[in-house]
Amino acid sequence: MSSISTHVLDTARGRPAAGIEVRLAVRARDGWTELATARTDADGRVTNLMPATAPPATGTFRLRFEVAAYFAAQGLTGFYPYVEVVFEARDDGRYHVPLLLSPYGYSTYRGS
């Protein structure tokens, strides 16, 4: 079964970014189809965004992280209201997409 997970770390504070809303969508012929919405846990993780009823994870996927609310809750104003990470899943496997976040920058990569 396919899985798509993430881990958000607040690099400015040196700790996990808890409570960030994360949306998973898949590219369809006429745009994007949202598959799931979750929030990062106390460790900054969402362990699997793929619904159990979803088809195998192949295609183009988008993770959207709603970071403005996260920073506002800390009394901060960030530069990015949200972060979108678009990636290709070429087989029915495990995809882990970490996000390293600060108010004025971010970085991502394919994790293991």
PDB file of N, CA and C in Angstrom:
ATOM      1  N   MET A   1       0.831  -1.183   0.000  1.00  0.00           N
ATOM      2  CA  MET A   1       0.000   0.000   0.000  1.00  0.00           C
ATOM      3  C   MET A   1       0.876   1.247   0.000  1.00  0.00           C
ATOM      4  N   SER A   2       0.450   2.253  -0.689  1.00  0.00           N
ATOM      5  CA  SER A   2       1.158   3.523  -0.776  1.00  0.00           C
ATOM      6  C   SER A   2       1.073   4.287   0.528  1.00  0.00           C
ATOM      7  N   SER A   3       2.110   5.074   0.812  1.00  0.00           N
ATOM      8  CA  SER A   3       2.026   5.997   1.938  1.00  0.00           C
ATOM      9  C   SER A   3       2.773   7.274   1.596  1.00  0.00           C
ATOM     10  N   ILE A   4       2.214   8.387   2.051  1.00  0.00           N
ATOM     11  CA  ILE A   4       2.844   9.693   1.911  1.00  0.00           C
ATOM     12  C   ILE A   4       2.859  10.309   3.299  1.00  0.00           C
ATOM     13  N   SER A   5       4.061  10.608   3.782  1.00  0.00           N
ATOM     14  CA  SER A   5       4.212  11.163   5.128  1.00  0.00           C
ATOM     15  C   SER A   5       5.063  12.426   5.064  1.00  0.00           C
ATOM     16  N   THR A   6       5.040  13.178   6.164  1.00  0.00           N
ATOM     17  CA  THR A   6       5.847  14.386   6.249  1.00  0.00           C
ATOM     18  C   THR A   6       6.304  14.606   7.683  1.00  0.00           C
ATOM     19  N   HIS A   7       7.304  15.439   7.825  1.00  0.00           N
ATOM     20  CA  HIS A   7       7.838  15.827   9.134  1.00  0.00           C
ATOM     21  C   HIS A   7       8.260  17.281   8.993  1.00  0.00           C
ATOM     22  N   VAL A   8       7.658  18.169   9.773  1.00  0.00           N
ATOM     23  CA  VAL A   8       7.953  19.596   9.680  1.00  0.00           C
ATOM     24  C   VAL A   8       8.769  20.012  10.902  1.00  0.00           C
ATOM     25  N   LEU A   9       9.928  20.586  10.639  1.00  0.00           N
ATOM     26  CA  LEU A   9      10.800  21.075  11.704  1.00  0.00           C
ATOM     27  C   LEU A   9      10.951  22.586  11.584  1.00  0.00           C
ATOM     28  N   ASP A  10      10.765  23.277  12.689  1.00  0.00           N
ATOM     29  CA  ASP A  10      10.939  24.722  12.758  1.00  0.00           C
ATOM     30  C   ASP A  10      12.419  24.977  13.027  1.00  0.00           C
ATOM     31  N   THR A  11      13.151  25.348  11.991  1.00  0.00           N
ATOM     32  CA  THR A  11      14.597  25.521  12.133  1.00  0.00           C
ATOM     33  C   THR A  11      14.958  26.800  12.882  1.00  0.00           C
ATOM     34  N   ALA A  12      14.052  27.764  12.946  1.00  0.00           N
ATOM     35  CA  ALA A  12      14.323  28.994  13.692  1.00  0.00           C
ATOM     36  C   ALA A  12      14.256  28.752  15.198  1.00  0.00           C
ATOM     37  N   ARG A  13      13.400  27.828  15.607  1.00  0.00           N
ATOM     38  CA  ARG A  13      13.222  27.545  17.028  1.00  0.00           C
ATOM     39  C   ARG A  13      13.907  26.250  17.458  1.00  0.00           C
ATOM     40  N   GLY A  14      14.339  25.457  16.487  1.00  0.00           N
ATOM     41  CA  GLY A  14      15.033  24.211  16.798  1.00  0.00           C
ATOM     42  C   GLY A  14      14.142  23.139  17.375  1.00  0.00           C
ATOM     43  N   ARG A  15      12.898  23.053  16.870  1.00  0.00           N
ATOM     44  CA  ARG A  15      11.976  22.032  17.377  1.00  0.00           C
ATOM     45  C   ARG A  15      10.923  21.669  16.326  1.00  0.00           C
ATOM     46  N   PRO A  16      10.166  20.616  16.579  1.00  0.00           N
ATOM     47  CA  PRO A  16       9.112  20.230  15.640  1.00  0.00           C
ATOM     48  C   PRO A  16       8.053  21.321  15.523  1.00  0.00           C
ATOM     49  N   ALA A  17       7.450  21.410  14.356  1.00  0.00           N
ATOM     50  CA  ALA A  17       6.382  22.379  14.103  1.00  0.00           C
ATOM     51  C   ALA A  17       5.044  21.658  14.248  1.00  0.00           C
ATOM     52  N   ALA A  18       4.465  21.736  15.428  1.00  0.00           N
ATOM     53  CA  ALA A  18       3.201  21.050  15.724  1.00  0.00           C
ATOM     54  C   ALA A  18       2.008  21.898  15.297  1.00  0.00           C
ATOM     55  N   GLY A  19       0.947  21.218  14.859  1.00  0.00           N
ATOM     56  CA  GLY A  19      -0.323  21.876  14.568  1.00  0.00           C
ATOM     57  C   GLY A  19      -0.462  22.493  13.196  1.00  0.00           C
ATOM     58  N   ILE A  20       0.459  22.232  12.285  1.00  0.00           N
ATOM     59  CA  ILE A  20       0.345  22.789  10.931  1.00  0.00           C
ATOM     60  C   ILE A  20      -0.621  21.944  10.114  1.00  0.00           C
ATOM     61  N   GLU A  21      -1.569  22.614   9.474  1.00  0.00           N
ATOM     62  CA  GLU A  21      -2.494  21.906   8.583  1.00  0.00           C
ATOM     63  C   GLU A  21      -1.753  21.541   7.300  1.00  0.00           C
ATOM     64  N   VAL A  22      -1.896  20.281   6.885  1.00  0.00           N
ATOM     65  CA  VAL A  22      -1.252  19.768   5.673  1.00  0.00           C
ATOM     66  C   VAL A  22      -2.336  19.157   4.799  1.00  0.00           C
ATOM     67  N   ARG A  23      -2.351  19.555   3.535  1.00  0.00           N
ATOM     68  CA  ARG A  23      -3.334  19.025   2.583  1.00  0.00           C
ATOM     69  C   ARG A  23      -2.612  18.255   1.483  1.00  0.00           C
ATOM     70  N   LEU A  24      -3.138  17.091   1.164  1.00  0.00           N
ATOM     71  CA  LEU A  24      -2.601  16.271   0.077  1.00  0.00           C
ATOM     72  C   LEU A  24      -3.572  16.310  -1.087  1.00  0.00           C
ATOM     73  N   ALA A  25      -3.044  16.588  -2.284  1.00  0.00           N
ATOM     74  CA  ALA A  25      -3.858  16.587  -3.499  1.00  0.00           C
ATOM     75  C   ALA A  25      -3.108  15.830  -4.586  1.00  0.00           C
ATOM     76  N   VAL A  26      -3.859  15.299  -5.538  1.00  0.00           N
ATOM     77  CA  VAL A  26      -3.286  14.612  -6.693  1.00  0.00           C
ATOM     78  C   VAL A  26      -3.720  15.372  -7.945  1.00  0.00           C
ATOM     79  N   ARG A  27      -2.814  15.444  -8.914  1.00  0.00           N
ATOM     80  CA  ARG A  27      -3.137  16.153 -10.151  1.00  0.00           C
ATOM     81  C   ARG A  27      -4.078  15.300 -10.992  1.00  0.00           C
ATOM     82  N   ALA A  28      -5.159  15.924 -11.422  1.00  0.00           N
ATOM     83  CA  ALA A  28      -6.145  15.278 -12.293  1.00  0.00           C
ATOM     84  C   ALA A  28      -6.125  16.010 -13.640  1.00  0.00           C
ATOM     85  N   ARG A  29      -6.904  15.536 -14.567  1.00  0.00           N
ATOM     86  CA  ARG A  29      -6.939  16.156 -15.892  1.00  0.00           C
ATOM     87  C   ARG A  29      -7.363  17.620 -15.842  1.00  0.00           C
ATOM     88  N   ASP A  30      -8.280  17.932 -14.945  1.00  0.00           N
ATOM     89  CA  ASP A  30      -8.839  19.286 -14.888  1.00  0.00           C
ATOM     90  C   ASP A  30      -8.354  20.096 -13.685  1.00  0.00           C
ATOM     91  N   GLY A  31      -7.226  19.736 -13.119  1.00  0.00           N
ATOM     92  CA  GLY A  31      -6.695  20.475 -11.969  1.00  0.00           C
ATOM     93  C   GLY A  31      -6.257  19.537 -10.864  1.00  0.00           C
ATOM     94  N   TRP A  32      -6.500  19.944  -9.627  1.00  0.00           N
ATOM     95  CA  TRP A  32      -6.087  19.171  -8.457  1.00  0.00           C
ATOM     96  C   TRP A  32      -7.297  18.614  -7.739  1.00  0.00           C
ATOM     97  N   THR A  33      -7.172  17.372  -7.256  1.00  0.00           N
ATOM     98  CA  THR A  33      -8.208  16.732  -6.450  1.00  0.00           C
ATOM     99  C   THR A  33      -7.645  16.507  -5.055  1.00  0.00           C
ATOM    100  N   GLU A  34      -8.291  17.113  -4.064  1.00  0.00           N
ATOM    101  CA  GLU A  34      -7.811  16.958  -2.691  1.00  0.00           C
ATOM    102  C   GLU A  34      -8.157  15.568  -2.176  1.00  0.00           C
ATOM    103  N   LEU A  35      -7.165  14.908  -1.577  1.00  0.00           N
ATOM    104  CA  LEU A  35      -7.338  13.555  -1.050  1.00  0.00           C
ATOM    105  C   LEU A  35      -7.480  13.519   0.463  1.00  0.00           C
ATOM    106  N   ALA A  36      -6.755  14.402   1.155  1.00  0.00           N
ATOM    107  CA  ALA A  36      -6.755  14.332   2.623  1.00  0.00           C
ATOM    108  C   ALA A  36      -6.251  15.634   3.220  1.00  0.00           C
ATOM    109  N   THR A  37      -6.665  15.861   4.466  1.00  0.00           N
ATOM    110  CA  THR A  37      -6.176  16.983   5.269  1.00  0.00           C
ATOM    111  C   THR A  37      -5.845  16.447   6.651  1.00  0.00           C
ATOM    112  N   ALA A  38      -4.724  16.890   7.209  1.00  0.00           N
ATOM    113  CA  ALA A  38      -4.315  16.461   8.551  1.00  0.00           C
ATOM    114  C   ALA A  38      -3.542  17.599   9.205  1.00  0.00           C
ATOM    115  N   ARG A  39      -3.221  17.420  10.474  1.00  0.00           N
ATOM    116  CA  ARG A  39      -2.377  18.379  11.203  1.00  0.00           C
ATOM    117  C   ARG A  39      -1.154  17.649  11.728  1.00  0.00           C
ATOM    118  N   THR A  40      -0.035  18.350  11.732  1.00  0.00           N
ATOM    119  CA  THR A  40       1.167  17.745  12.295  1.00  0.00           C
ATOM    120  C   THR A  40       0.971  17.517  13.792  1.00  0.00           C
ATOM    121  N   ASP A  41       1.499  16.404  14.279  1.00  0.00           N
ATOM    122  CA  ASP A  41       1.367  16.064  15.699  1.00  0.00           C
ATOM    123  C   ASP A  41       2.419  16.813  16.524  1.00  0.00           C
ATOM    124  N   ALA A  42       2.524  16.494  17.788  1.00  0.00           N
ATOM    125  CA  ALA A  42       3.458  17.179  18.691  1.00  0.00           C
ATOM    126  C   ALA A  42       4.908  17.035  18.241  1.00  0.00           C
ATOM    127  N   ASP A  43       5.198  15.989  17.466  1.00  0.00           N
ATOM    128  CA  ASP A  43       6.545  15.773  16.944  1.00  0.00           C
ATOM    129  C   ASP A  43       6.711  16.361  15.540  1.00  0.00           C
ATOM    130  N   GLY A  44       5.701  17.098  15.050  1.00  0.00           N
ATOM    131  CA  GLY A  44       5.764  17.707  13.727  1.00  0.00           C
ATOM    132  C   GLY A  44       5.503  16.743  12.591  1.00  0.00           C
ATOM    133  N   ARG A  45       4.914  15.591  12.888  1.00  0.00           N
ATOM    134  CA  ARG A  45       4.734  14.547  11.873  1.00  0.00           C
ATOM    135  C   ARG A  45       3.274  14.314  11.479  1.00  0.00           C
ATOM    136  N   VAL A  46       3.112  13.903  10.239  1.00  0.00           N
ATOM    137  CA  VAL A  46       1.884  13.269   9.765  1.00  0.00           C
ATOM    138  C   VAL A  46       2.365  11.951   9.174  1.00  0.00           C
ATOM    139  N   THR A  47       1.953  10.843   9.782  1.00  0.00           N
ATOM    140  CA  THR A  47       2.538   9.551   9.408  1.00  0.00           C
ATOM    141  C   THR A  47       2.015   8.975   8.103  1.00  0.00           C
ATOM    142  N   ASN A  48       0.780   9.276   7.717  1.00  0.00           N
ATOM    143  CA  ASN A  48       0.285   8.806   6.426  1.00  0.00           C
ATOM    144  C   ASN A  48      -0.910   9.632   5.999  1.00  0.00           C
ATOM    145  N   LEU A  49      -0.738  10.378   4.926  1.00  0.00           N
ATOM    146  CA  LEU A  49      -1.824  11.198   4.391  1.00  0.00           C
ATOM    147  C   LEU A  49      -2.680  10.452   3.373  1.00  0.00           C
ATOM    148  N   MET A  50      -2.215   9.314   2.880  1.00  0.00           N
ATOM    149  CA  MET A  50      -2.985   8.588   1.862  1.00  0.00           C
ATOM    150  C   MET A  50      -4.188   7.908   2.500  1.00  0.00           C
ATOM    151  N   PRO A  51      -5.392   8.224   2.019  1.00  0.00           N
ATOM    152  CA  PRO A  51      -6.573   7.527   2.538  1.00  0.00           C
ATOM    153  C   PRO A  51      -6.507   6.038   2.197  1.00  0.00           C
ATOM    154  N   ALA A  52      -7.063   5.217   3.057  1.00  0.00           N
ATOM    155  CA  ALA A  52      -7.055   3.763   2.839  1.00  0.00           C
ATOM    156  C   ALA A  52      -7.760   3.392   1.540  1.00  0.00           C
ATOM    157  N   THR A  53      -8.699   4.214   1.108  1.00  0.00           N
ATOM    158  CA  THR A  53      -9.466   3.928  -0.105  1.00  0.00           C
ATOM    159  C   THR A  53      -8.817   4.486  -1.365  1.00  0.00           C
ATOM    160  N   ALA A  54      -7.670   5.147  -1.226  1.00  0.00           N
ATOM    161  CA  ALA A  54      -7.023   5.770  -2.380  1.00  0.00           C
ATOM    162  C   ALA A  54      -6.392   4.717  -3.288  1.00  0.00           C
ATOM    163  N   PRO A  55      -6.327   5.020  -4.580  1.00  0.00           N
ATOM    164  CA  PRO A  55      -5.632   4.116  -5.503  1.00  0.00           C
ATOM    165  C   PRO A  55      -4.127   4.170  -5.240  1.00  0.00           C
ATOM    166  N   PRO A  56      -3.346   3.304  -5.870  1.00  0.00           N
ATOM    167  CA  PRO A  56      -1.893   3.337  -5.690  1.00  0.00           C
ATOM    168  C   PRO A  56      -1.327   4.734  -5.943  1.00  0.00           C
ATOM    169  N   ALA A  57      -0.301   5.089  -5.188  1.00  0.00           N
ATOM    170  CA  ALA A  57       0.275   6.434  -5.253  1.00  0.00           C
ATOM    171  C   ALA A  57       1.228   6.582  -6.425  1.00  0.00           C
ATOM    172  N   THR A  58       0.677   6.757  -7.611  1.00  0.00           N
ATOM    173  CA  THR A  58       1.494   7.109  -8.761  1.00  0.00           C
ATOM    174  C   THR A  58       0.886   8.356  -9.364  1.00  0.00           C
ATOM    175  N   GLY A  59       1.732   9.231  -9.875  1.00  0.00           N
ATOM    176  CA  GLY A  59       1.254  10.475 -10.450  1.00  0.00           C
ATOM    177  C   GLY A  59       1.934  11.663  -9.802  1.00  0.00           C
ATOM    178  N   THR A  60       1.337  12.816 -10.003  1.00  0.00           N
ATOM    179  CA  THR A  60       1.860  14.059  -9.451  1.00  0.00           C
ATOM    180  C   THR A  60       1.036  14.437  -8.232  1.00  0.00           C
ATOM    181  N   PHE A  61       1.720  14.655  -7.122  1.00  0.00           N
ATOM    182  CA  PHE A  61       1.062  14.971  -5.856  1.00  0.00           C
ATOM    183  C   PHE A  61       1.515  16.338  -5.360  1.00  0.00           C
ATOM    184  N   ARG A  62       0.658  16.945  -4.540  1.00  0.00           N
ATOM    185  CA  ARG A  62       0.978  18.242  -3.942  1.00  0.00           C
ATOM    186  C   ARG A  62       0.698  18.195  -2.447  1.00  0.00           C
ATOM    187  N   LEU A  63       1.677  18.594  -1.671  1.00  0.00           N
ATOM    188  CA  LEU A  63       1.492  18.817  -0.240  1.00  0.00           C
ATOM    189  C   LEU A  63       1.443  20.323  -0.027  1.00  0.00           C
ATOM    190  N   ARG A  64       0.390  20.785   0.626  1.00  0.00           N
ATOM    191  CA  ARG A  64       0.262  22.213   0.937  1.00  0.00           C
ATOM    192  C   ARG A  64       0.284  22.372   2.451  1.00  0.00           C
ATOM    193  N   PHE A  65       1.245  23.136   2.925  1.00  0.00           N
ATOM    194  CA  PHE A  65       1.435  23.387   4.348  1.00  0.00           C
ATOM    195  C   PHE A  65       0.938  24.799   4.651  1.00  0.00           C
ATOM    196  N   GLU A  66      -0.056  24.930   5.516  1.00  0.00           N
ATOM    197  CA  GLU A  66      -0.624  26.233   5.877  1.00  0.00           C
ATOM    198  C   GLU A  66       0.208  26.826   7.012  1.00  0.00           C
ATOM    199  N   VAL A  67       1.280  27.527   6.665  1.00  0.00           N
ATOM    200  CA  VAL A  67       2.246  27.969   7.669  1.00  0.00           C
ATOM    201  C   VAL A  67       1.922  29.321   8.294  1.00  0.00           C
ATOM    202  N   ALA A  68       1.093  30.148   7.657  1.00  0.00           N
ATOM    203  CA  ALA A  68       0.780  31.471   8.217  1.00  0.00           C
ATOM    204  C   ALA A  68       0.140  31.353   9.591  1.00  0.00           C
ATOM    205  N   ALA A  69      -0.805  30.445   9.748  1.00  0.00           N
ATOM    206  CA  ALA A  69      -1.478  30.264  11.041  1.00  0.00           C
ATOM    207  C   ALA A  69      -0.501  29.766  12.101  1.00  0.00           C
ATOM    208  N   TYR A  70       0.437  28.921  11.699  1.00  0.00           N
ATOM    209  CA  TYR A  70       1.450  28.419  12.631  1.00  0.00           C
ATOM    210  C   TYR A  70       2.280  29.575  13.185  1.00  0.00           C
ATOM    211  N   PHE A  71       2.769  30.441  12.303  1.00  0.00           N
ATOM    212  CA  PHE A  71       3.584  31.563  12.763  1.00  0.00           C
ATOM    213  C   PHE A  71       2.751  32.592  13.526  1.00  0.00           C
ATOM    214  N   ALA A  72       1.520  32.842  13.086  1.00  0.00           N
ATOM    215  CA  ALA A  72       0.652  33.794  13.787  1.00  0.00           C
ATOM    216  C   ALA A  72       0.401  33.355  15.227  1.00  0.00           C
ATOM    217  N   ALA A  73       0.263  32.053  15.449  1.00  0.00           N
ATOM    218  CA  ALA A  73       0.038  31.530  16.802  1.00  0.00           C
ATOM    219  C   ALA A  73       1.233  31.805  17.719  1.00  0.00           C
ATOM    220  N   GLN A  74       2.386  32.062  17.119  1.00  0.00           N
ATOM    221  CA  GLN A  74       3.591  32.380  17.890  1.00  0.00           C
ATOM    222  C   GLN A  74       3.858  33.885  17.941  1.00  0.00           C
ATOM    223  N   GLY A  75       2.923  34.669  17.389  1.00  0.00           N
ATOM    224  CA  GLY A  75       3.101  36.115  17.365  1.00  0.00           C
ATOM    225  C   GLY A  75       4.074  36.582  16.304  1.00  0.00           C
ATOM    226  N   LEU A  76       4.269  35.760  15.273  1.00  0.00           N
ATOM    227  CA  LEU A  76       5.205  36.081  14.194  1.00  0.00           C
ATOM    228  C   LEU A  76       4.470  36.251  12.874  1.00  0.00           C
ATOM    229  N   THR A  77       5.063  37.024  11.994  1.00  0.00           N
ATOM    230  CA  THR A  77       4.569  37.139  10.627  1.00  0.00           C
ATOM    231  C   THR A  77       5.650  36.589   9.717  1.00  0.00           C
ATOM    232  N   GLY A  78       5.327  35.539   9.000  1.00  0.00           N
ATOM    233  CA  GLY A  78       6.291  34.952   8.080  1.00  0.00           C
ATOM    234  C   GLY A  78       6.162  35.555   6.694  1.00  0.00           C
ATOM    235  N   PHE A  79       7.079  35.233   5.840  1.00  0.00           N
ATOM    236  CA  PHE A  79       7.079  35.708   4.461  1.00  0.00           C
ATOM    237  C   PHE A  79       6.138  34.894   3.571  1.00  0.00           C
ATOM    238  N   TYR A  80       6.013  33.612   3.857  1.00  0.00           N
ATOM    239  CA  TYR A  80       5.201  32.702   3.044  1.00  0.00           C
ATOM    240  C   TYR A  80       3.904  32.368   3.777  1.00  0.00           C
ATOM    241  N   PRO A  81       2.731  32.623   3.175  1.00  0.00           N
ATOM    242  CA  PRO A  81       1.478  32.245   3.825  1.00  0.00           C
ATOM    243  C   PRO A  81       1.255  30.730   3.803  1.00  0.00           C
ATOM    244  N   TYR A  82       1.809  30.077   2.805  1.00  0.00           N
ATOM    245  CA  TYR A  82       1.746  28.622   2.703  1.00  0.00           C
ATOM    246  C   TYR A  82       2.942  28.143   1.892  1.00  0.00           C
ATOM    247  N   VAL A  83       3.216  26.855   2.003  1.00  0.00           N
ATOM    248  CA  VAL A  83       4.287  26.226   1.230  1.00  0.00           C
ATOM    249  C   VAL A  83       3.661  25.073   0.461  1.00  0.00           C
ATOM    250  N   GLU A  84       3.900  25.027  -0.842  1.00  0.00           N
ATOM    251  CA  GLU A  84       3.439  23.899  -1.652  1.00  0.00           C
ATOM    252  C   GLU A  84       4.647  23.134  -2.181  1.00  0.00           C
ATOM    253  N   VAL A  85       4.600  21.830  -1.996  1.00  0.00           N
ATOM    254  CA  VAL A  85       5.643  20.942  -2.501  1.00  0.00           C
ATOM    255  C   VAL A  85       4.963  19.984  -3.471  1.00  0.00           C
ATOM    256  N   VAL A  86       5.379  20.030  -4.720  1.00  0.00           N
ATOM    257  CA  VAL A  86       4.812  19.171  -5.759  1.00  0.00           C
ATOM    258  C   VAL A  86       5.874  18.140  -6.133  1.00  0.00           C
ATOM    259  N   PHE A  87       5.460  16.873  -6.196  1.00  0.00           N
ATOM    260  CA  PHE A  87       6.429  15.810  -6.484  1.00  0.00           C
ATOM    261  C   PHE A  87       5.781  14.705  -7.297  1.00  0.00           C
ATOM    262  N   GLU A  88       6.632  13.920  -7.954  1.00  0.00           N
ATOM    263  CA  GLU A  88       6.203  12.781  -8.772  1.00  0.00           C
ATOM    264  C   GLU A  88       6.379  11.484  -7.995  1.00  0.00           C
ATOM    265  N   ALA A  89       5.335  10.698  -7.926  1.00  0.00           N
ATOM    266  CA  ALA A  89       5.403   9.346  -7.359  1.00  0.00           C
ATOM    267  C   ALA A  89       5.345   8.387  -8.539  1.00  0.00           C
ATOM    268  N   ARG A  90       6.412   7.662  -8.756  1.00  0.00           N
ATOM    269  CA  ARG A  90       6.503   6.806  -9.939  1.00  0.00           C
ATOM    270  C   ARG A  90       6.181   5.345  -9.676  1.00  0.00           C
ATOM    271  N   ASP A  91       6.043   4.992  -8.401  1.00  0.00           N
ATOM    272  CA  ASP A  91       5.656   3.619  -8.086  1.00  0.00           C
ATOM    273  C   ASP A  91       4.824   3.625  -6.812  1.00  0.00           C
ATOM    274  N   ASP A  92       4.233   2.508  -6.533  1.00  0.00           N
ATOM    275  CA  ASP A  92       3.355   2.363  -5.374  1.00  0.00           C
ATOM    276  C   ASP A  92       4.205   2.069  -4.145  1.00  0.00           C
ATOM    277  N   GLY A  93       4.850   3.093  -3.617  1.00  0.00           N
ATOM    278  CA  GLY A  93       5.768   2.888  -2.502  1.00  0.00           C
ATOM    279  C   GLY A  93       5.545   3.876  -1.378  1.00  0.00           C
ATOM    280  N   ARG A  94       6.588   4.070  -0.603  1.00  0.00           N
ATOM    281  CA  ARG A  94       6.551   4.981   0.542  1.00  0.00           C
ATOM    282  C   ARG A  94       7.243   6.281   0.149  1.00  0.00           C
ATOM    283  N   TYR A  95       6.560   7.393   0.364  1.00  0.00           N
ATOM    284  CA  TYR A  95       7.110   8.708   0.062  1.00  0.00           C
ATOM    285  C   TYR A  95       7.083   9.552   1.331  1.00  0.00           C
ATOM    286  N   HIS A  96       8.269   9.990   1.758  1.00  0.00           N
ATOM    287  CA  HIS A  96       8.392  10.826   2.950  1.00  0.00           C
ATOM    288  C   HIS A  96       8.968  12.163   2.504  1.00  0.00           C
ATOM    289  N   VAL A  97       8.249  13.252   2.812  1.00  0.00           N
ATOM    290  CA  VAL A  97       8.621  14.582   2.335  1.00  0.00           C
ATOM    291  C   VAL A  97       8.788  15.522   3.530  1.00  0.00           C
ATOM    292  N   PRO A  98       9.998  15.633   4.085  1.00  0.00           N
ATOM    293  CA  PRO A  98      10.232  16.549   5.196  1.00  0.00           C
ATOM    294  C   PRO A  98      10.229  18.011   4.732  1.00  0.00           C
ATOM    295  N   LEU A  99       9.871  18.898   5.656  1.00  0.00           N
ATOM    296  CA  LEU A  99       9.909  20.338   5.408  1.00  0.00           C
ATOM    297  C   LEU A  99      10.661  20.994   6.561  1.00  0.00           C
ATOM    298  N   LEU A 100      11.728  21.706   6.230  1.00  0.00           N
ATOM    299  CA  LEU A 100      12.483  22.490   7.206  1.00  0.00           C
ATOM    300  C   LEU A 100      12.021  23.932   7.032  1.00  0.00           C
ATOM    301  N   LEU A 101      11.533  24.532   8.103  1.00  0.00           N
ATOM    302  CA  LEU A 101      10.772  25.771   8.000  1.00  0.00           C
ATOM    303  C   LEU A 101      11.297  26.849   8.937  1.00  0.00           C
ATOM    304  N   SER A 102      11.299  28.088   8.459  1.00  0.00           N
ATOM    305  CA  SER A 102      11.541  29.263   9.296  1.00  0.00           C
ATOM    306  C   SER A 102      10.630  30.370   8.753  1.00  0.00           C
ATOM    307  N   PRO A 103      10.486  31.489   9.453  1.00  0.00           N
ATOM    308  CA  PRO A 103       9.578  32.529   8.962  1.00  0.00           C
ATOM    309  C   PRO A 103       9.940  33.082   7.580  1.00  0.00           C
ATOM    310  N   TYR A 104      11.213  33.012   7.196  1.00  0.00           N
ATOM    311  CA  TYR A 104      11.619  33.616   5.929  1.00  0.00           C
ATOM    312  C   TYR A 104      12.279  32.650   4.959  1.00  0.00           C
ATOM    313  N   GLY A 105      12.101  31.363   5.172  1.00  0.00           N
ATOM    314  CA  GLY A 105      12.666  30.401   4.245  1.00  0.00           C
ATOM    315  C   GLY A 105      12.219  28.988   4.556  1.00  0.00           C
ATOM    316  N   TYR A 106      12.409  28.109   3.585  1.00  0.00           N
ATOM    317  CA  TYR A 106      12.105  26.696   3.791  1.00  0.00           C
ATOM    318  C   TYR A 106      12.941  25.855   2.840  1.00  0.00           C
ATOM    319  N   SER A 107      13.049  24.583   3.185  1.00  0.00           N
ATOM    320  CA  SER A 107      13.774  23.615   2.370  1.00  0.00           C
ATOM    321  C   SER A 107      13.058  22.277   2.491  1.00  0.00           C
ATOM    322  N   THR A 108      13.127  21.493   1.439  1.00  0.00           N
ATOM    323  CA  THR A 108      12.493  20.183   1.448  1.00  0.00           C
ATOM    324  C   THR A 108      13.342  19.203   0.649  1.00  0.00           C
ATOM    325  N   TYR A 109      13.073  17.926   0.834  1.00  0.00           N
ATOM    326  CA  TYR A 109      13.816  16.882   0.136  1.00  0.00           C
ATOM    327  C   TYR A 109      13.019  15.584   0.234  1.00  0.00           C
ATOM    328  N   ARG A 110      13.420  14.580  -0.524  1.00  0.00           N
ATOM    329  CA  ARG A 110      12.790  13.268  -0.383  1.00  0.00           C
ATOM    330  C   ARG A 110      13.499  12.524   0.736  1.00  0.00           C
ATOM    331  N   GLY A 111      12.767  12.242   1.778  1.00  0.00           N
ATOM    332  CA  GLY A 111      13.327  11.533   2.918  1.00  0.00           C
ATOM    333  C   GLY A 111      13.211  10.034   2.754  1.00  0.00           C
ATOM    334  N   SER A 112      13.566   9.339   3.807  1.00  0.00           N
ATOM    335  CA  SER A 112      13.502   7.874   3.767  1.00  0.00           C
ATOM    336  C   SER A 112      12.567   7.349   4.833  1.00  0.00           C
TER     337      SER A 112
END
